[in-house]
């Protein structure tokens, strides 16, 4: 597995115009357009529960005192 640092991942996402959506919108897009859901949470959270067909691609780094919402907003 090739490890890429966070800044490279972020730049690639921005270049490809990948955007975050809330859960309700993600499920609608998956159902209506056969979109793939990438769950960017840590693997442990993904294993606790995730949408059917979602793939775990851990994309964020932990920053002290940041919540997952803070991190998602910065994506």
PDB file of N, CA and C in Angstrom:
ATOM      1  N   UNK A   1       0.839  -1.177   0.000  1.00  0.00           N
ATOM      2  CA  UNK A   1       0.000   0.000   0.000  1.00  0.00           C
ATOM      3  C   UNK A   1       0.885   1.241   0.000  1.00  0.00           C
ATOM      4  N   UNK A   2       0.604   2.163  -0.884  1.00  0.00           N
ATOM      5  CA  UNK A   2       1.365   3.394  -0.957  1.00  0.00           C
ATOM      6  C   UNK A   2       0.718   4.428  -0.059  1.00  0.00           C
ATOM      7  N   UNK A   3       1.504   5.028   0.807  1.00  0.00           N
ATOM      8  CA  UNK A   3       1.008   6.080   1.693  1.00  0.00           C
ATOM      9  C   UNK A   3       1.249   7.436   1.042  1.00  0.00           C
ATOM     10  N   UNK A   4       0.240   8.264   1.031  1.00  0.00           N
ATOM     11  CA  UNK A   4       0.349   9.612   0.497  1.00  0.00           C
ATOM     12  C   UNK A   4       0.011  10.562   1.631  1.00  0.00           C
ATOM     13  N   UNK A   5       0.795  11.636   1.767  1.00  0.00           N
ATOM     14  CA  UNK A   5       0.503  12.527   2.887  1.00  0.00           C
ATOM     15  C   UNK A   5      -0.789  13.305   2.652  1.00  0.00           C
ATOM     16  N   UNK A   6      -1.332  13.865   3.721  1.00  0.00           N
ATOM     17  CA  UNK A   6      -2.630  14.523   3.707  1.00  0.00           C
ATOM     18  C   UNK A   6      -2.706  15.628   2.661  1.00  0.00           C
ATOM     19  N   UNK A   7      -1.666  16.450   2.540  1.00  0.00           N
ATOM     20  CA  UNK A   7      -1.731  17.570   1.602  1.00  0.00           C
ATOM     21  C   UNK A   7      -1.853  17.075   0.163  1.00  0.00           C
ATOM     22  N   UNK A   8      -1.198  15.969  -0.164  1.00  0.00           N
ATOM     23  CA  UNK A   8      -1.312  15.410  -1.513  1.00  0.00           C
ATOM     24  C   UNK A   8      -2.723  14.872  -1.758  1.00  0.00           C
ATOM     25  N   UNK A   9      -3.304  14.221  -0.770  1.00  0.00           N
ATOM     26  CA  UNK A   9      -4.673  13.716  -0.903  1.00  0.00           C
ATOM     27  C   UNK A   9      -5.639  14.870  -1.126  1.00  0.00           C
ATOM     28  N   UNK A  10      -5.480  15.922  -0.336  1.00  0.00           N
ATOM     29  CA  UNK A  10      -6.376  17.074  -0.440  1.00  0.00           C
ATOM     30  C   UNK A  10      -6.260  17.720  -1.820  1.00  0.00           C
ATOM     31  N   UNK A  11      -5.055  17.910  -2.303  1.00  0.00           N
ATOM     32  CA  UNK A  11      -4.856  18.514  -3.614  1.00  0.00           C
ATOM     33  C   UNK A  11      -5.492  17.682  -4.724  1.00  0.00           C
ATOM     34  N   UNK A  12      -5.365  16.365  -4.639  1.00  0.00           N
ATOM     35  CA  UNK A  12      -5.967  15.494  -5.640  1.00  0.00           C
ATOM     36  C   UNK A  12      -7.491  15.602  -5.615  1.00  0.00           C
ATOM     37  N   UNK A  13      -8.069  15.634  -4.422  1.00  0.00           N
ATOM     38  CA  UNK A  13      -9.520  15.778  -4.314  1.00  0.00           C
ATOM     39  C   UNK A  13      -9.987  17.097  -4.912  1.00  0.00           C
ATOM     40  N   UNK A  14      -9.273  18.169  -4.616  1.00  0.00           N
ATOM     41  CA  UNK A  14      -9.646  19.472  -5.169  1.00  0.00           C
ATOM     42  C   UNK A  14      -9.501  19.488  -6.691  1.00  0.00           C
ATOM     43  N   UNK A  15      -8.435  18.897  -7.185  1.00  0.00           N
ATOM     44  CA  UNK A  15      -8.191  18.831  -8.629  1.00  0.00           C
ATOM     45  C   UNK A  15      -9.310  18.071  -9.342  1.00  0.00           C
ATOM     46  N   UNK A  16      -9.775  16.996  -8.731  1.00  0.00           N
ATOM     47  CA  UNK A  16     -10.824  16.163  -9.331  1.00  0.00           C
ATOM     48  C   UNK A  16     -12.229  16.685  -9.044  1.00  0.00           C
ATOM     49  N   UNK A  17     -12.301  17.794  -8.327  1.00  0.00           N
ATOM     50  CA  UNK A  17     -13.577  18.426  -7.961  1.00  0.00           C
ATOM     51  C   UNK A  17     -14.479  17.512  -7.143  1.00  0.00           C
ATOM     52  N   UNK A  18     -13.863  16.725  -6.274  1.00  0.00           N
ATOM     53  CA  UNK A  18     -14.624  15.874  -5.369  1.00  0.00           C
ATOM     54  C   UNK A  18     -15.191  16.759  -4.266  1.00  0.00           C
ATOM     55  N   UNK A  19     -16.459  16.569  -3.940  1.00  0.00           N
ATOM     56  CA  UNK A  19     -17.046  17.373  -2.880  1.00  0.00           C
ATOM     57  C   UNK A  19     -17.730  16.475  -1.865  1.00  0.00           C
ATOM     58  N   UNK A  20     -17.833  16.985  -0.678  1.00  0.00           N
ATOM     59  CA  UNK A  20     -18.526  16.275   0.385  1.00  0.00           C
ATOM     60  C   UNK A  20     -20.008  16.593   0.363  1.00  0.00           C
ATOM     61  N   UNK A  21     -20.803  15.617   0.745  1.00  0.00           N
ATOM     62  CA  UNK A  21     -22.248  15.815   0.867  1.00  0.00           C
ATOM     63  C   UNK A  21     -22.692  15.171   2.169  1.00  0.00           C
ATOM     64  N   UNK A  22     -23.876  15.584   2.642  1.00  0.00           N
ATOM     65  CA  UNK A  22     -24.373  14.958   3.863  1.00  0.00           C
ATOM     66  C   UNK A  22     -24.891  13.552   3.552  1.00  0.00           C
ATOM     67  N   UNK A  23     -25.189  12.811   4.591  1.00  0.00           N
ATOM     68  CA  UNK A  23     -25.579  11.412   4.442  1.00  0.00           C
ATOM     69  C   UNK A  23     -26.819  11.257   3.569  1.00  0.00           C
ATOM     70  N   UNK A  24     -27.815  12.084   3.809  1.00  0.00           N
ATOM     71  CA  UNK A  24     -29.068  11.984   3.051  1.00  0.00           C
ATOM     72  C   UNK A  24     -28.810  12.179   1.551  1.00  0.00           C
ATOM     73  N   UNK A  25     -28.004  13.191   1.216  1.00  0.00           N
ATOM     74  CA  UNK A  25     -27.691  13.459  -0.184  1.00  0.00           C
ATOM     75  C   UNK A  25     -26.856  12.334  -0.791  1.00  0.00           C
ATOM     76  N   UNK A  26     -25.910  11.807  -0.028  1.00  0.00           N
ATOM     77  CA  UNK A  26     -25.072  10.706  -0.523  1.00  0.00           C
ATOM     78  C   UNK A  26     -25.929   9.483  -0.862  1.00  0.00           C
ATOM     79  N   UNK A  27     -26.855   9.156   0.018  1.00  0.00           N
ATOM     80  CA  UNK A  27     -27.715   7.997  -0.231  1.00  0.00           C
ATOM     81  C   UNK A  27     -28.624   8.218  -1.441  1.00  0.00           C
ATOM     82  N   UNK A  28     -29.102   9.455  -1.614  1.00  0.00           N
ATOM     83  CA  UNK A  28     -29.935   9.772  -2.783  1.00  0.00           C
ATOM     84  C   UNK A  28     -29.121   9.629  -4.076  1.00  0.00           C
ATOM     85  N   UNK A  29     -27.921  10.166  -4.075  1.00  0.00           N
ATOM     86  CA  UNK A  29     -27.072  10.071  -5.268  1.00  0.00           C
ATOM     87  C   UNK A  29     -26.705   8.625  -5.578  1.00  0.00           C
ATOM     88  N   UNK A  30     -26.456   7.856  -4.526  1.00  0.00           N
ATOM     89  CA  UNK A  30     -26.123   6.443  -4.715  1.00  0.00           C
ATOM     90  C   UNK A  30     -27.299   5.714  -5.363  1.00  0.00           C
ATOM     91  N   UNK A  31     -28.480   5.969  -4.866  1.00  0.00           N
ATOM     92  CA  UNK A  31     -29.664   5.274  -5.365  1.00  0.00           C
ATOM     93  C   UNK A  31     -30.046   5.724  -6.779  1.00  0.00           C
ATOM     94  N   UNK A  32     -30.086   7.038  -7.008  1.00  0.00           N
ATOM     95  CA  UNK A  32     -30.574   7.570  -8.281  1.00  0.00           C
ATOM     96  C   UNK A  32     -29.535   7.536  -9.398  1.00  0.00           C
ATOM     97  N   UNK A  33     -28.267   7.625  -9.064  1.00  0.00           N
ATOM     98  CA  UNK A  33     -27.232   7.752 -10.090  1.00  0.00           C
ATOM     99  C   UNK A  33     -26.151   6.683 -10.012  1.00  0.00           C
ATOM    100  N   UNK A  34     -26.378   5.695  -9.133  1.00  0.00           N
ATOM    101  CA  UNK A  34     -25.400   4.627  -8.964  1.00  0.00           C
ATOM    102  C   UNK A  34     -24.015   5.159  -8.559  1.00  0.00           C
ATOM    103  N   UNK A  35     -23.998   6.232  -7.744  1.00  0.00           N
ATOM    104  CA  UNK A  35     -22.749   6.804  -7.267  1.00  0.00           C
ATOM    105  C   UNK A  35     -22.115   5.887  -6.235  1.00  0.00           C
ATOM    106  N   UNK A  36     -20.819   5.976  -6.121  1.00  0.00           N
ATOM    107  CA  UNK A  36     -20.061   5.239  -5.117  1.00  0.00           C
ATOM    108  C   UNK A  36     -19.847   6.148  -3.910  1.00  0.00           C
ATOM    109  N   UNK A  37     -20.079   5.619  -2.717  1.00  0.00           N
ATOM    110  CA  UNK A  37     -19.861   6.392  -1.496  1.00  0.00           C
ATOM    111  C   UNK A  37     -18.498   6.036  -0.925  1.00  0.00           C
ATOM    112  N   UNK A  38     -17.658   7.058  -0.749  1.00  0.00           N
ATOM    113  CA  UNK A  38     -16.371   6.882  -0.076  1.00  0.00           C
ATOM    114  C   UNK A  38     -16.534   7.388   1.340  1.00  0.00           C
ATOM    115  N   UNK A  39     -16.382   6.496   2.290  1.00  0.00           N
ATOM    116  CA  UNK A  39     -16.489   6.843   3.703  1.00  0.00           C
ATOM    117  C   UNK A  39     -15.083   7.184   4.179  1.00  0.00           C
ATOM    118  N   UNK A  40     -14.839   8.458   4.487  1.00  0.00           N
ATOM    119  CA  UNK A  40     -13.484   8.925   4.796  1.00  0.00           C
ATOM    120  C   UNK A  40     -13.161   8.894   6.292  1.00  0.00           C
ATOM    121  N   UNK A  41     -14.065   8.364   7.075  1.00  0.00           N
ATOM    122  CA  UNK A  41     -13.823   8.280   8.526  1.00  0.00           C
ATOM    123  C   UNK A  41     -12.778   7.212   8.840  1.00  0.00           C
ATOM    124  N   UNK A  42     -12.237   7.257  10.054  1.00  0.00           N
ATOM    125  CA  UNK A  42     -11.291   6.198  10.450  1.00  0.00           C
ATOM    126  C   UNK A  42     -11.936   4.819  10.326  1.00  0.00           C
ATOM    127  N   UNK A  43     -11.114   3.822  10.086  1.00  0.00           N
ATOM    128  CA  UNK A  43     -11.607   2.466   9.870  1.00  0.00           C
ATOM    129  C   UNK A  43     -12.489   1.973  11.014  1.00  0.00           C
ATOM    130  N   UNK A  44     -12.131   2.300  12.250  1.00  0.00           N
ATOM    131  CA  UNK A  44     -12.929   1.849  13.402  1.00  0.00           C
ATOM    132  C   UNK A  44     -14.354   2.390  13.331  1.00  0.00           C
ATOM    133  N   UNK A  45     -14.505   3.652  12.948  1.00  0.00           N
ATOM    134  CA  UNK A  45     -15.847   4.242  12.818  1.00  0.00           C
ATOM    135  C   UNK A  45     -16.605   3.606  11.648  1.00  0.00           C
ATOM    136  N   UNK A  46     -15.910   3.363  10.567  1.00  0.00           N
ATOM    137  CA  UNK A  46     -16.515   2.705   9.401  1.00  0.00           C
ATOM    138  C   UNK A  46     -17.060   1.332   9.802  1.00  0.00           C
ATOM    139  N   UNK A  47     -16.271   0.588  10.585  1.00  0.00           N
ATOM    140  CA  UNK A  47     -16.695  -0.750  11.004  1.00  0.00           C
ATOM    141  C   UNK A  47     -17.892  -0.712  11.936  1.00  0.00           C
ATOM    142  N   UNK A  48     -18.078   0.402  12.641  1.00  0.00           N
ATOM    143  CA  UNK A  48     -19.241   0.547  13.533  1.00  0.00           C
ATOM    144  C   UNK A  48     -20.533   0.641  12.732  1.00  0.00           C
ATOM    145  N   UNK A  49     -20.440   1.141  11.514  1.00  0.00           N
ATOM    146  CA  UNK A  49     -21.614   1.258  10.667  1.00  0.00           C
ATOM    147  C   UNK A  49     -21.332   2.157   9.482  1.00  0.00           C
ATOM    148  N   UNK A  50     -21.859   1.771   8.323  1.00  0.00           N
ATOM    149  CA  UNK A  50     -21.671   2.540   7.102  1.00  0.00           C
ATOM    150  C   UNK A  50     -22.784   2.192   6.109  1.00  0.00           C
ATOM    151  N   UNK A  51     -23.007   3.067   5.131  1.00  0.00           N
ATOM    152  CA  UNK A  51     -24.043   2.779   4.136  1.00  0.00           C
ATOM    153  C   UNK A  51     -23.699   1.528   3.330  1.00  0.00           C
ATOM    154  N   UNK A  52     -24.699   0.772   2.891  1.00  0.00           N
ATOM    155  CA  UNK A  52     -24.439  -0.399   2.051  1.00  0.00           C
ATOM    156  C   UNK A  52     -23.640  -0.004   0.810  1.00  0.00           C
ATOM    157  N   UNK A  53     -22.623  -0.752   0.511  1.00  0.00           N
ATOM    158  CA  UNK A  53     -21.810  -0.502  -0.672  1.00  0.00           C
ATOM    159  C   UNK A  53     -20.730   0.543  -0.508  1.00  0.00           C
ATOM    160  N   UNK A  54     -20.684   1.210   0.644  1.00  0.00           N
ATOM    161  CA  UNK A  54     -19.670   2.252   0.863  1.00  0.00           C
ATOM    162  C   UNK A  54     -18.290   1.609   0.987  1.00  0.00           C
ATOM    163  N   UNK A  55     -17.286   2.354   0.551  1.00  0.00           N
ATOM    164  CA  UNK A  55     -15.899   1.906   0.649  1.00  0.00           C
ATOM    165  C   UNK A  55     -15.166   2.831   1.604  1.00  0.00           C
ATOM    166  N   UNK A  56     -14.392   2.266   2.510  1.00  0.00           N
ATOM    167  CA  UNK A  56     -13.641   3.073   3.471  1.00  0.00           C
ATOM    168  C   UNK A  56     -12.309   3.505   2.867  1.00  0.00           C
ATOM    169  N   UNK A  57     -12.122   4.818   2.798  1.00  0.00           N
ATOM    170  CA  UNK A  57     -10.869   5.409   2.338  1.00  0.00           C
ATOM    171  C   UNK A  57     -10.536   6.493   3.355  1.00  0.00           C
ATOM    172  N   UNK A  58      -9.824   6.100   4.389  1.00  0.00           N
ATOM    173  CA  UNK A  58      -9.524   7.038   5.468  1.00  0.00           C
ATOM    174  C   UNK A  58      -8.721   8.210   4.899  1.00  0.00           C
ATOM    175  N   UNK A  59      -9.307   9.404   4.995  1.00  0.00           N
ATOM    176  CA  UNK A  59      -8.711  10.548   4.314  1.00  0.00           C
ATOM    177  C   UNK A  59      -8.294  11.691   5.233  1.00  0.00           C
ATOM    178  N   UNK A  60      -8.578  11.618   6.494  1.00  0.00           N
ATOM    179  CA  UNK A  60      -8.226  12.767   7.312  1.00  0.00           C
ATOM    180  C   UNK A  60      -7.246  12.390   8.399  1.00  0.00           C
ATOM    181  N   UNK A  61      -6.587  13.406   8.871  1.00  0.00           N
ATOM    182  CA  UNK A  61      -5.651  13.197   9.975  1.00  0.00           C
ATOM    183  C   UNK A  61      -6.292  13.746  11.236  1.00  0.00           C
ATOM    184  N   UNK A  62      -5.969  13.162  12.347  1.00  0.00           N
ATOM    185  CA  UNK A  62      -6.503  13.647  13.608  1.00  0.00           C
ATOM    186  C   UNK A  62      -5.730  14.879  14.043  1.00  0.00           C
ATOM    187  N   UNK A  63      -6.444  15.917  14.378  1.00  0.00           N
ATOM    188  CA  UNK A  63      -5.848  17.132  14.901  1.00  0.00           C
ATOM    189  C   UNK A  63      -6.495  17.381  16.252  1.00  0.00           C
ATOM    190  N   UNK A  64      -5.659  17.540  17.249  1.00  0.00           N
ATOM    191  CA  UNK A  64      -6.178  17.685  18.604  1.00  0.00           C
ATOM    192  C   UNK A  64      -7.277  18.742  18.657  1.00  0.00           C
ATOM    193  N   UNK A  65      -8.361  18.385  19.275  1.00  0.00           N
ATOM    194  CA  UNK A  65      -9.524  19.227  19.513  1.00  0.00           C
ATOM    195  C   UNK A  65     -10.382  19.464  18.271  1.00  0.00           C
ATOM    196  N   UNK A  66     -10.055  18.871  17.115  1.00  0.00           N
ATOM    197  CA  UNK A  66     -10.931  18.969  15.950  1.00  0.00           C
ATOM    198  C   UNK A  66     -11.919  17.824  15.981  1.00  0.00           C
ATOM    199  N   UNK A  67     -13.158  18.115  15.716  1.00  0.00           N
ATOM    200  CA  UNK A  67     -14.168  17.071  15.600  1.00  0.00           C
ATOM    201  C   UNK A  67     -14.179  16.578  14.152  1.00  0.00           C
ATOM    202  N   UNK A  68     -14.787  15.423  13.881  1.00  0.00           N
ATOM    203  CA  UNK A  68     -14.913  14.990  12.483  1.00  0.00           C
ATOM    204  C   UNK A  68     -15.607  16.044  11.621  1.00  0.00           C
ATOM    205  N   UNK A  69     -16.573  16.779  12.191  1.00  0.00           N
ATOM    206  CA  UNK A  69     -17.261  17.829  11.440  1.00  0.00           C
ATOM    207  C   UNK A  69     -16.289  18.938  11.050  1.00  0.00           C
ATOM    208  N   UNK A  70     -15.400  19.350  11.965  1.00  0.00           N
ATOM    209  CA  UNK A  70     -14.396  20.377  11.642  1.00  0.00           C
ATOM    210  C   UNK A  70     -13.530  19.929  10.476  1.00  0.00           C
ATOM    211  N   UNK A  71     -13.130  18.697  10.503  1.00  0.00           N
ATOM    212  CA  UNK A  71     -12.256  18.155   9.453  1.00  0.00           C
ATOM    213  C   UNK A  71     -13.016  18.092   8.130  1.00  0.00           C
ATOM    214  N   UNK A  72     -14.246  17.601   8.153  1.00  0.00           N
ATOM    215  CA  UNK A  72     -15.045  17.493   6.929  1.00  0.00           C
ATOM    216  C   UNK A  72     -15.264  18.863   6.298  1.00  0.00           C
ATOM    217  N   UNK A  73     -15.514  19.881   7.113  1.00  0.00           N
ATOM    218  CA  UNK A  73     -15.709  21.231   6.574  1.00  0.00           C
ATOM    219  C   UNK A  73     -14.475  21.718   5.843  1.00  0.00           C
ATOM    220  N   UNK A  74     -13.301  21.336   6.313  1.00  0.00           N
ATOM    221  CA  UNK A  74     -12.063  21.788   5.702  1.00  0.00           C
ATOM    222  C   UNK A  74     -11.768  21.037   4.398  1.00  0.00           C
ATOM    223  N   UNK A  75     -12.399  19.904   4.185  1.00  0.00           N
ATOM    224  CA  UNK A  75     -12.247  19.203   2.912  1.00  0.00           C
ATOM    225  C   UNK A  75     -12.859  20.027   1.823  1.00  0.00           C
TER     226      UNK A  75
END
